[in-house]
Protein backbone atom coordinates (compact mmCIF):
# COMPACT_ATOMS: atom_id res chain seq x y z
CA MET A 1 19.47 3.10 27.42
CA ARG A 2 20.68 6.64 27.93
CA PRO A 3 22.88 8.33 25.27
CA ILE A 4 26.58 8.40 26.14
CA ILE A 5 29.07 10.76 24.49
CA LEU A 6 32.43 9.09 24.02
CA LEU A 7 35.81 10.41 22.86
CA LEU A 8 38.21 8.26 20.90
CA THR A 9 41.89 9.02 21.46
CA VAL A 10 45.48 8.03 20.85
CA ILE A 11 48.03 6.57 23.26
CA SER A 12 49.37 9.03 25.81
CA ILE A 13 51.08 9.17 29.21
CA LEU A 14 49.87 10.86 32.35
CA SER A 15 51.96 10.80 35.53
CA LYS A 16 51.99 7.31 37.11
CA ILE A 17 49.20 6.24 34.76
CA ASP A 18 49.86 4.60 31.42
CA VAL A 19 47.62 4.25 28.38
CA LYS A 20 46.37 0.68 28.01
CA ALA A 21 43.78 1.07 25.25
CA GLN A 22 43.06 3.32 22.28
CA ASN A 23 41.19 5.90 24.30
CA LEU A 24 41.60 4.88 27.93
CA ILE A 25 44.25 5.76 30.50
CA TYR A 26 44.74 3.52 33.53
CA ALA A 27 47.40 1.99 35.77
CA LYS A 28 49.99 -0.01 33.84
CA ASP A 29 50.49 -2.72 36.48
CA ILE A 30 46.99 -4.23 36.17
CA PRO A 31 47.15 -7.84 34.86
CA ASN A 32 46.13 -8.06 31.21
CA GLU A 33 44.99 -11.20 29.38
CA LYS A 34 44.55 -11.32 25.62
CA ILE A 35 41.65 -13.36 24.23
CA ARG A 36 41.68 -13.88 20.45
CA ILE A 37 38.29 -14.62 18.91
CA ILE A 38 36.95 -15.18 15.42
CA PRO A 39 33.19 -14.98 16.09
CA GLU A 40 32.11 -17.17 13.19
CA THR A 41 34.43 -20.01 14.21
CA THR A 42 33.67 -20.07 17.94
CA GLN A 43 32.39 -23.41 19.18
CA GLY A 44 28.90 -24.19 18.00
CA GLY A 45 26.68 -27.23 18.13
CA THR A 46 23.08 -28.09 18.81
CA VAL A 47 20.80 -27.18 21.67
CA SER A 48 20.88 -30.72 23.04
CA GLU A 49 24.70 -30.82 22.93
CA LEU A 50 25.39 -27.54 24.72
CA LEU A 51 22.32 -26.61 26.78
CA SER A 52 20.38 -28.26 29.59
CA ASP A 53 17.17 -27.60 31.54
CA LEU A 54 15.69 -25.73 28.57
CA GLU A 55 12.15 -24.50 29.23
CA TYR A 56 9.69 -22.56 27.07
CA ILE A 57 7.11 -20.87 29.29
CA PRO A 58 4.23 -19.12 27.48
CA LEU A 59 3.24 -15.88 29.16
CA LYS A 60 -0.51 -16.09 29.65
CA ARG A 61 -2.91 -13.21 29.23
CA THR A 62 -6.17 -12.22 30.84
CA ASN A 63 -9.05 -10.29 29.30
CA ASN A 64 -7.25 -10.39 25.94
CA LYS A 65 -4.46 -8.16 27.28
CA LEU A 66 -1.51 -9.04 25.05
CA LEU A 67 2.07 -8.17 25.90
CA SER A 68 3.01 -6.35 22.71
CA ASP A 69 6.78 -6.36 23.15
CA VAL A 70 9.64 -6.82 25.61
CA TYR A 71 11.84 -3.84 26.47
CA GLU A 72 13.41 -5.23 29.66
CA LEU A 73 13.32 -8.60 31.38
CA GLU A 74 14.26 -9.90 34.84
CA SER A 75 13.46 -13.10 36.70
CA THR A 76 13.84 -14.94 39.99
CA ALA A 77 13.16 -18.59 40.83
CA GLU A 78 9.48 -17.70 41.34
CA ARG A 79 8.72 -14.54 39.34
CA ILE A 80 9.12 -13.08 35.86
CA GLY A 81 9.09 -9.31 35.37
CA ILE A 82 8.82 -7.55 32.02
CA LEU A 83 8.70 -3.93 30.89
CA ASN A 84 7.07 -3.21 27.54
CA ARG A 85 8.02 -0.33 25.23
CA ASP A 86 5.94 2.09 27.32
CA GLY A 87 7.70 1.03 30.51
CA HIS A 88 4.58 -0.70 31.86
CA PHE A 89 5.40 -3.57 34.21
CA HIS A 90 3.98 -7.07 33.70
CA LEU A 91 4.45 -9.49 36.60
CA TYR A 92 4.11 -13.27 36.12
CA ASP A 93 4.70 -16.31 38.26
CA ILE A 94 7.30 -18.77 37.00
CA LYS A 95 4.58 -20.81 35.26
CA GLY A 96 3.66 -17.80 33.12
CA ASN A 97 0.45 -16.81 34.90
CA LEU A 98 -0.14 -13.06 34.82
CA LEU A 99 -0.29 -11.64 38.34
CA LYS A 100 -0.38 -7.89 37.77
CA ILE A 101 0.03 -5.15 35.18
CA ILE A 102 1.35 -1.89 36.64
CA ASN A 103 0.84 0.99 34.24
CA THR A 104 0.36 3.91 36.62
CA VAL A 105 2.12 5.42 39.60
CA ILE A 106 0.31 7.75 41.99
CA GLY A 107 1.27 11.32 41.19
CA VAL A 108 3.02 10.48 37.92
CA GLU A 109 1.53 11.28 34.53
CA ASP A 110 1.99 8.52 31.96
CA LYS A 111 3.27 10.45 28.92
CA LYS A 112 3.39 8.91 25.48
CA GLY A 113 6.94 8.32 24.32
CA ILE A 114 8.35 8.41 27.86
CA LEU A 115 8.97 5.19 29.76
CA LEU A 116 6.90 4.86 32.90
CA PHE A 117 9.58 2.56 34.35
CA SER A 118 13.07 1.95 32.98
CA ARG A 119 14.49 -0.79 35.22
CA ILE A 120 13.39 -3.83 37.22
CA LYS A 121 15.18 -4.93 40.37
CA PHE A 122 13.99 -7.97 42.31
CA ASN A 123 15.09 -8.44 45.91
CA GLU A 124 14.07 -10.58 48.89
CA LYS A 125 11.17 -8.24 49.73
CA GLY A 126 9.69 -7.81 46.28
CA VAL A 127 10.47 -5.67 43.26
CA GLU A 128 11.67 -2.12 42.75
CA LEU A 129 10.75 -0.26 39.57
CA LEU A 130 12.90 2.70 38.65
CA HIS A 131 11.17 5.87 37.50
CA GLY A 132 13.41 8.92 37.12
CA PRO A 133 13.90 10.57 40.51
CA PHE A 134 12.24 7.81 42.53
CA LYS A 135 11.62 4.08 42.82
CA ALA A 136 8.23 2.44 43.24
CA ARG A 137 8.30 -0.66 45.46
CA TYR A 138 5.90 -3.62 45.27
CA ASP A 139 5.65 -7.01 46.92
CA MET A 140 6.08 -10.26 44.99
CA ASN A 141 2.41 -10.22 43.99
CA GLY A 142 2.57 -6.70 42.61
CA ASN A 143 0.89 -4.97 45.56
CA PHE A 144 2.09 -1.41 46.05
CA ILE A 145 4.28 -0.74 49.11
CA ASP A 146 5.67 2.78 48.72
CA THR A 147 7.87 5.08 46.69
CA ILE A 148 11.32 6.22 47.76
CA SER A 149 13.84 8.69 46.40
CA ASN A 150 16.08 7.33 43.67
CA ARG A 151 19.52 8.39 44.73
CA LYS A 152 22.00 9.37 42.07
CA ASP A 153 23.83 6.07 42.48
CA GLU A 154 20.83 3.96 41.43
CA SER A 155 21.45 3.68 37.70
CA LYS A 156 23.08 1.50 35.10
CA ASN A 157 26.15 3.74 35.48
CA VAL A 158 26.77 2.51 39.04
CA THR A 159 27.59 -0.88 40.54
CA GLN A 160 27.88 -1.54 44.27
CA ILE A 161 30.36 -4.18 45.49
CA GLY A 162 30.21 -4.58 49.24
CA THR A 163 30.49 -1.09 50.69
CA LYS A 164 32.31 0.26 47.62
CA LYS A 165 30.65 2.05 44.73
CA TRP A 166 31.89 1.95 41.15
CA THR A 167 30.72 4.83 38.94
CA TYR A 168 30.97 5.15 35.16
CA TYR A 169 31.18 8.60 33.53
CA SER A 170 30.83 9.78 29.96
CA PRO A 171 33.41 12.41 28.90
CA ASP A 172 33.08 16.02 30.07
CA LEU A 173 33.19 18.12 26.90
CA GLY A 174 32.23 21.46 28.41
CA ASN A 175 35.72 22.83 29.06
CA PRO A 176 38.10 22.69 26.05
CA GLN A 177 41.07 23.26 28.38
CA ILE A 178 40.56 19.89 30.08
CA LYS A 179 42.74 17.26 28.44
CA THR A 180 41.50 14.25 30.41
CA THR A 181 38.19 13.43 31.99
CA ASN A 182 37.01 10.72 34.35
CA ALA A 183 35.79 7.43 32.91
CA LEU A 184 35.58 5.04 35.87
CA GLN A 185 35.78 5.77 39.56
CA LEU A 186 35.89 3.62 42.73
CA GLY A 187 34.57 5.74 45.57
CA ASP A 188 36.63 8.94 45.29
CA SER A 189 39.51 7.29 43.41
CA ILE A 190 39.78 7.71 39.65
CA MET A 191 40.65 4.35 38.10
CA VAL A 192 40.24 5.03 34.36
CA LYS A 193 40.37 8.27 32.37
CA TYR A 194 39.54 9.36 28.84
CA GLU A 195 42.01 11.52 26.99
CA LYS A 196 40.19 14.32 25.19
CA LEU A 197 40.68 15.22 21.53
CA ASP A 198 39.16 18.04 19.54
CA SER A 199 37.24 15.58 17.38
CA VAL A 200 34.44 13.76 19.16
CA LEU A 201 32.04 10.95 18.39
CA ILE A 202 28.41 10.81 19.39
CA SER A 203 27.96 7.18 20.34
CA TYR A 204 24.18 7.31 20.85
CA GLY A 205 24.07 5.08 23.91
CA LEU A 206 25.64 1.99 22.51
CA HIS A 207 25.72 -0.15 25.60
CA GLN A 208 25.40 -0.77 29.31
CA PRO A 209 28.82 0.22 30.71
CA LEU A 210 28.68 -1.61 34.07
CA SER A 211 27.45 -5.12 34.76
CA PRO A 212 25.53 -5.98 37.93
CA ASN A 213 27.55 -7.19 40.90
CA PHE A 214 27.53 -10.98 41.19
CA ASN A 215 29.70 -12.86 43.69
CA ASN A 216 31.51 -9.59 44.48
CA LYS A 217 32.63 -9.06 40.91
CA ALA A 218 31.42 -6.73 38.19
CA TYR A 219 32.66 -5.71 34.75
CA ALA A 220 33.12 -2.40 32.94
CA SER A 221 33.34 -1.79 29.21
CA PHE A 222 33.57 1.29 27.03
CA ASP A 223 32.24 2.34 23.64
CA TYR A 224 34.52 1.61 20.67
CA ASN A 225 36.88 -0.41 22.81
CA THR A 226 37.10 -4.18 23.26
CA LYS A 227 38.74 -4.36 26.67
CA LEU A 228 36.75 -5.67 29.62
CA PHE A 229 37.69 -4.50 33.11
CA GLU A 230 37.11 -6.92 35.98
CA LEU A 231 36.15 -5.02 39.14
CA ASP A 232 36.06 -5.90 42.82
CA SER A 233 35.87 -3.90 46.03
CA ASN A 234 39.61 -3.12 45.93
CA GLY A 235 39.99 -1.94 42.36
CA ILE A 236 40.50 -3.28 38.85
CA SER A 237 41.68 -6.85 39.32
CA LYS A 238 42.19 -7.73 35.66
CA VAL A 239 41.72 -6.55 32.10
CA TYR A 240 40.57 -8.93 29.37
CA GLN A 241 41.73 -7.67 26.00
CA PHE A 242 39.55 -9.16 23.26
CA ILE A 243 41.24 -9.21 19.87
CA PHE A 244 39.14 -9.72 16.74
CA PRO A 245 39.88 -10.04 13.01
CA LEU A 246 40.37 -6.83 11.03
CA LYS A 247 36.84 -6.91 9.60
CA ASN A 248 35.45 -6.90 13.15
CA THR A 249 37.76 -4.13 14.40
CA VAL A 250 36.67 -0.49 14.42
CA ASN A 251 38.81 1.88 12.33
CA LEU A 252 39.32 4.67 14.85
CA ASP A 253 40.60 7.13 12.24
CA GLU A 254 37.33 6.81 10.34
CA VAL A 255 35.17 6.89 13.46
CA ARG A 256 36.73 10.19 14.58
CA LYS A 257 35.39 11.84 11.44
CA VAL A 258 31.79 11.15 12.46
CA LYS A 259 30.20 14.34 13.82
CA ASP A 260 26.44 13.87 13.60
CA TYR A 261 23.73 11.24 13.64
CA ILE A 262 23.27 11.02 9.86
CA ASN A 263 26.97 10.36 9.26
CA TYR A 264 26.97 7.99 12.20
CA MET A 265 24.23 5.90 10.59
CA HIS A 266 26.03 5.94 7.24
CA TYR A 267 29.18 4.66 8.93
CA TYR A 268 27.21 2.16 10.99
CA ASN A 269 25.49 0.65 7.94
CA ALA A 270 28.70 0.54 5.91
CA HIS A 271 30.65 -1.32 8.61
CA ARG A 272 28.16 -3.87 9.88
CA GLU A 273 30.76 -6.42 11.01
CA GLU A 274 32.68 -4.03 13.25
CA ILE A 275 32.33 -4.77 16.96
CA ARG A 276 31.70 -1.44 18.63
CA THR A 277 31.84 -2.56 22.25
CA LEU A 278 31.34 -5.46 24.67
CA ASP A 279 27.85 -5.31 26.13
CA ASN A 280 25.44 -6.97 28.59
CA VAL A 281 28.18 -8.80 30.48
CA ILE A 282 26.99 -11.68 32.68
CA ASN A 283 29.14 -13.38 35.32
CA TYR A 284 27.56 -16.84 35.07
CA LYS A 285 29.06 -19.70 37.09
CA ASN A 286 32.47 -20.37 35.48
CA HIS A 287 31.66 -18.36 32.34
CA LEU A 288 31.70 -14.78 31.22
CA ILE A 289 28.83 -14.20 28.84
CA LEU A 290 28.82 -11.10 26.71
CA GLN A 291 27.32 -9.55 23.64
CA LEU A 292 29.61 -8.45 20.83
CA LYS A 293 27.81 -5.26 19.86
CA LYS A 294 27.21 -4.83 16.15
CA PRO A 295 24.13 -4.60 13.90
CA ASN A 296 23.79 -8.38 14.03
CA ASN A 297 24.68 -8.92 17.67
CA PHE A 298 26.79 -11.97 18.47
CA TRP A 299 26.76 -13.63 21.91
CA ILE A 300 29.69 -15.59 23.34
CA ALA A 301 30.36 -17.57 26.53
CA LEU A 302 33.99 -17.56 27.68
CA ASN A 303 34.99 -20.37 30.04
CA LEU A 304 37.28 -18.60 32.51
CA ALA A 305 39.11 -21.81 33.43
CA THR A 306 39.75 -23.33 30.00
CA LYS A 307 39.40 -20.15 27.90
CA ASN A 308 37.17 -22.09 25.51
CA VAL A 309 34.69 -19.80 23.76
CA ILE A 310 31.19 -20.97 22.87
CA GLY A 311 29.39 -18.93 20.26
CA LEU A 312 25.87 -18.86 21.70
CA THR A 313 24.75 -17.40 18.38
CA ASN A 314 26.24 -20.47 16.67
CA ILE A 315 24.09 -22.94 18.66
CA LEU A 316 21.46 -24.50 16.41
CA PRO A 317 17.93 -25.58 17.38
CA ASP A 318 17.24 -29.29 17.07
CA LYS A 319 14.49 -31.81 17.75
CA SER A 320 14.85 -31.38 21.53
CA SER A 321 13.77 -27.74 21.18
CA ASP A 322 11.18 -28.42 18.45
CA TYR A 323 13.53 -26.43 16.19
CA LEU A 324 12.75 -23.28 18.15
CA PRO A 325 15.45 -20.69 18.84
CA PHE A 326 16.32 -20.40 22.52
CA MET A 327 17.05 -16.70 22.93
CA ASP A 328 16.45 -13.21 21.59
CA SER A 329 19.44 -11.51 19.94
CA ASN A 330 19.23 -8.45 22.19
CA ILE A 331 18.12 -9.62 25.64
CA LEU A 332 19.85 -12.32 27.68
CA ARG A 333 19.92 -12.17 31.48
CA SER A 334 20.75 -14.45 34.42
CA ASP A 335 19.58 -15.06 37.98
CA GLY A 336 22.81 -16.92 38.75
CA GLU A 337 21.28 -20.35 38.22
CA TYR A 338 19.59 -19.96 34.82
CA LEU A 339 20.16 -17.86 31.75
CA PHE A 340 16.91 -16.47 30.43
CA SER A 341 15.53 -14.64 27.41
CA PHE A 342 12.30 -14.60 25.41
CA LEU A 343 10.81 -15.38 22.01
CA SER A 344 8.23 -13.31 20.18
CA PRO A 345 5.06 -14.77 18.63
CA GLN A 346 6.70 -14.20 15.25
CA ASP A 347 9.62 -16.45 16.30
CA ILE A 348 7.10 -19.22 17.00
CA ARG A 349 5.40 -18.81 13.62
CA ILE A 350 8.75 -18.89 11.82
CA ALA A 351 9.73 -22.08 13.65
CA ILE A 352 6.46 -23.75 12.67
CA SER A 353 6.90 -22.76 9.02
CA LYS A 354 10.47 -24.06 9.05
CA SER A 355 9.36 -27.36 10.59
CA LYS A 356 6.81 -27.80 7.82
CA GLU A 357 9.32 -26.90 5.10
CA GLU A 358 11.81 -29.44 6.46
CA PHE A 359 9.08 -32.07 6.95
CA HIS A 360 9.41 -32.14 10.73
CA PRO A 361 6.18 -32.89 12.58
CA VAL A 362 4.74 -29.81 14.27
CA SER A 363 4.66 -30.75 17.94
CA GLU A 364 1.81 -30.12 20.32
CA ARG A 365 4.09 -27.76 22.25
CA LEU A 366 4.61 -25.61 19.16
CA ARG A 367 0.88 -25.48 18.48
CA MET A 368 0.22 -24.50 22.09
CA LEU A 369 2.85 -21.73 21.97
CA GLU A 370 1.37 -20.43 18.72
CA LYS A 371 -2.11 -20.21 20.25
CA SER A 372 -0.90 -18.06 23.15
CA ASN A 373 0.05 -15.27 20.71
CA ASN A 374 2.15 -13.74 23.49
CA PRO A 375 5.91 -13.66 24.10
CA VAL A 376 7.43 -16.85 25.49
CA PHE A 377 9.82 -16.79 28.43
CA VAL A 378 12.82 -19.08 27.85
CA ARG A 379 15.32 -20.25 30.44
CA PHE A 380 18.21 -22.71 30.23
CA LYS A 381 21.64 -23.64 31.58
CA LEU A 382 24.98 -24.18 29.90
CA LYS A 383 26.27 -27.74 30.13
């Protein structure tokens, strides 16, 4: 995730545009809905009460080639795609059979410490893997097709809705005379601005600012701000203002004092309950799913019709899941039908130990997952 420099500001007025958040300036006539949440008391329950169609799919290996870790994850109804920490692409069928490992691109040197690929994008023709200035394209079995130029608009800072392009910008700090700088743009129209202050905060790439387009809607969020902007092809259709208890709310006066990485980490570790942003937003059926970004990330699912909030992090494993967790705390994605994540081999070992401690029988499924010694793909639906 690329570093993003973010300014935190006070309320101000700019002609025809009114401040609607601590550091953001945007049109005052956009509908705003307040959502009050206490993370710990959001609806919880058990896996069998709140989830359906839960599957644990072990990712098989060939020739003892283990998948050491999961950096990025995407899936379709038939394929699973994973990038490891080196950006190498592992392609599986939906049963977990390994189809192909792609760890080289013609003409590109694989340098240690630099991701070979940074993003996965499945489409009807196959899969596109993003690598800096170009994309490598493969069919659904991992056979190379070609490489094409990666235009500037192919990044996590851009979302396309119909023929319209939404673009997210980090603040421009180069010119001290500039008092405002673009934050969010639809085509050539500026929809949200930052107001610049002399004091700045290095945010160190806290989050993904734009969600993917799904059903002609996408969502934008900003560092150190808990408003979520609903986007369509015409503009900002709505703003969800999430309000949290004081212990979960960032103290902007203190944050503005942070000037370097060391002080940032000191602040970060001293305020572990503060929610720094809303991240990894998923438009899933009649829910908005998002990650409350803090050291111990907390996932919620907001029912857009009833406004009921399920704390996904509050859902407990039970006998139906062999007391296994059902998701990783950092990665949760959706293909529109399923939500999906993964478990590490260590998660499996911990679940087995816990089953033994609590005198639950260790199921054959758990033993089989332990033997694979590879990450496990997990998919499920909300009831």
